[in-house]
Protein backbone atom coordinates (compact mmCIF):
# COMPACT_ATOMS: atom_id res chain seq x y z
CA UNK A 1 3.97 12.75 1.22
CA UNK A 2 3.84 12.06 -2.52
CA UNK A 3 2.38 15.04 -4.41
CA UNK A 4 -0.90 14.08 -6.05
CA UNK A 5 0.34 14.97 -9.53
CA UNK A 6 2.86 12.10 -9.28
CA UNK A 7 0.58 9.40 -7.89
CA UNK A 8 -0.34 7.86 -11.25
CA UNK A 9 3.33 7.52 -12.22
CA UNK A 10 4.16 5.94 -8.86
CA UNK A 11 1.22 3.54 -9.19
CA UNK A 12 2.48 2.45 -12.63
CA UNK A 13 6.00 1.99 -11.28
CA UNK A 14 4.82 -0.16 -8.36
CA UNK A 15 2.63 -2.16 -10.74
CA UNK A 16 5.69 -2.84 -12.89
CA UNK A 17 7.63 -4.04 -9.85
CA UNK A 18 4.84 -6.47 -9.00
CA UNK A 19 4.62 -7.79 -12.57
CA UNK A 20 8.39 -8.24 -12.74
CA UNK A 21 8.10 -10.55 -9.73
CA UNK A 22 5.51 -12.79 -11.36
CA UNK A 23 2.42 -11.44 -9.60
CA UNK A 24 -0.48 -9.36 -10.88
CA UNK A 25 -1.25 -5.82 -9.64
CA UNK A 26 -5.03 -5.60 -9.18
CA UNK A 27 -5.26 -2.14 -7.59
CA UNK A 28 -2.75 0.40 -6.26
CA UNK A 29 -3.53 3.66 -4.51
CA UNK A 30 -1.14 5.82 -2.49
CA UNK A 31 -2.56 8.20 0.09
CA UNK A 32 -0.54 10.83 2.01
CA UNK A 33 -0.07 8.50 4.98
CA UNK A 34 -0.37 4.98 3.53
CA UNK A 35 -0.59 2.89 0.38
CA UNK A 36 -2.96 0.12 -0.63
CA UNK A 37 -1.56 -2.50 -2.97
CA UNK A 38 -3.85 -5.35 -3.99
CA UNK A 39 -1.97 -8.18 -5.65
CA UNK A 40 -2.90 -11.40 -7.37
CA UNK A 41 -0.08 -13.12 -5.54
CA UNK A 42 2.02 -15.85 -7.14
CA UNK A 43 3.85 -17.55 -4.27
CA UNK A 44 7.27 -17.74 -5.88
CA UNK A 45 8.54 -15.14 -3.42
CA UNK A 46 7.57 -14.61 0.21
CA UNK A 47 5.22 -11.74 1.02
CA UNK A 48 7.83 -10.06 3.28
CA UNK A 49 10.39 -10.22 0.46
CA UNK A 50 7.90 -8.85 -2.08
CA UNK A 51 6.95 -5.95 0.21
CA UNK A 52 10.59 -5.20 1.00
CA UNK A 53 11.55 -5.10 -2.68
CA UNK A 54 8.60 -2.83 -3.53
CA UNK A 55 9.55 -0.46 -0.70
CA UNK A 56 13.27 -0.37 -1.51
CA UNK A 57 12.84 0.12 -5.25
CA UNK A 58 10.03 2.66 -4.96
CA UNK A 59 12.10 4.60 -2.36
CA UNK A 60 14.90 4.80 -4.93
CA UNK A 61 12.45 5.80 -7.67
CA UNK A 62 10.91 8.59 -5.57
CA UNK A 63 14.35 9.85 -4.52
CA UNK A 64 15.61 9.92 -8.12
CA UNK A 65 12.51 11.88 -9.18
CA UNK A 66 13.04 14.41 -6.33
CA UNK A 67 9.29 14.68 -5.78
CA UNK A 68 9.72 15.77 -2.17
CA UNK A 69 12.38 18.02 -0.66
CA UNK A 70 13.25 15.76 2.27
CA UNK A 71 14.45 12.17 2.28
CA UNK A 72 11.61 9.77 1.55
CA UNK A 73 11.30 6.35 3.14
CA UNK A 74 8.36 4.05 3.69
CA UNK A 75 7.76 3.20 7.32
CA UNK A 76 8.84 -0.11 8.78
CA UNK A 77 6.14 -2.72 8.80
CA UNK A 78 3.05 -3.37 6.75
CA UNK A 79 -0.28 -5.13 6.94
CA UNK A 80 -1.15 -8.02 4.66
CA UNK A 81 -4.65 -9.42 4.32
CA UNK A 82 -6.06 -12.09 2.05
CA UNK A 83 -9.44 -11.97 0.33
CA UNK A 84 -11.58 -14.58 -1.36
CA UNK A 85 -12.13 -14.54 -5.10
CA UNK A 86 -15.71 -13.37 -4.57
CA UNK A 87 -14.47 -10.16 -2.88
CA UNK A 88 -12.00 -9.01 -5.54
CA UNK A 89 -14.35 -6.45 -7.12
CA UNK A 90 -15.26 -4.92 -3.76
CA UNK A 91 -11.61 -4.64 -2.70
CA UNK A 92 -10.62 -3.01 -6.00
CA UNK A 93 -13.48 -0.50 -5.68
CA UNK A 94 -12.47 0.22 -2.07
CA UNK A 95 -8.86 0.87 -3.05
CA UNK A 96 -9.76 3.03 -6.05
CA UNK A 97 -12.03 5.22 -3.88
CA UNK A 98 -9.58 6.00 -1.08
CA UNK A 99 -9.98 9.79 -1.13
CA UNK A 100 -13.74 9.58 -0.60
CA UNK A 101 -13.38 6.79 1.96
CA UNK A 102 -10.83 8.63 4.09
CA UNK A 103 -12.85 11.83 4.09
CA UNK A 104 -15.14 9.88 6.43
CA UNK A 105 -12.69 7.75 8.42
CA UNK A 106 -8.96 8.10 9.09
CA UNK A 107 -6.53 5.36 8.16
CA UNK A 108 -5.66 4.85 11.83
CA UNK A 109 -9.28 4.30 12.87
CA UNK A 110 -9.93 2.03 9.90
CA UNK A 111 -6.81 -0.07 10.40
CA UNK A 112 -7.40 -0.56 14.11
CA UNK A 113 -10.95 -1.68 13.33
CA UNK A 114 -9.66 -4.18 10.74
CA UNK A 115 -7.26 -5.63 13.32
CA UNK A 116 -10.05 -5.88 15.89
CA UNK A 117 -12.38 -7.63 13.44
CA UNK A 118 -9.61 -10.09 12.51
CA UNK A 119 -8.81 -10.61 16.22
CA UNK A 120 -5.20 -9.49 15.68
CA UNK A 121 -3.27 -8.14 18.66
CA UNK A 122 -2.31 -4.52 18.01
CA UNK A 123 0.95 -4.84 19.98
CA UNK A 124 2.67 -5.42 16.63
CA UNK A 125 1.24 -2.23 15.16
CA UNK A 126 3.50 0.05 13.13
CA UNK A 127 3.84 3.78 13.75
CA UNK A 128 1.18 5.95 12.12
CA UNK A 129 2.06 9.08 10.19
CA UNK A 130 -0.43 11.87 10.81
CA UNK A 131 -0.50 14.17 7.75
């Protein structure tokens, strides 16, 4: 829902939120129906608390900017995955190339495949937004 001309500013804002909480933003990319945020996580705050704070503060930021005519809110829920040090470069490349990647595969299809590969029950799946 975020207009593409505002994505870079939103990415910088989210990166600042992450830094302010003692972690390191490695890659951030917002798509129309989801966001990827790759963090060098410093465990001084729980992942649910970190995600909640990013969502709440970025909701306020987007609302103050009036980038969209309707009320903006991130969906409930999120997915969190960990990666080994040897995969950092691949994950950053993957996140930075989201437009090309999702021209070939939808977020829904990709996410369901990730859950299947990780043997995670999809009964806890969040609602998908279909742009």
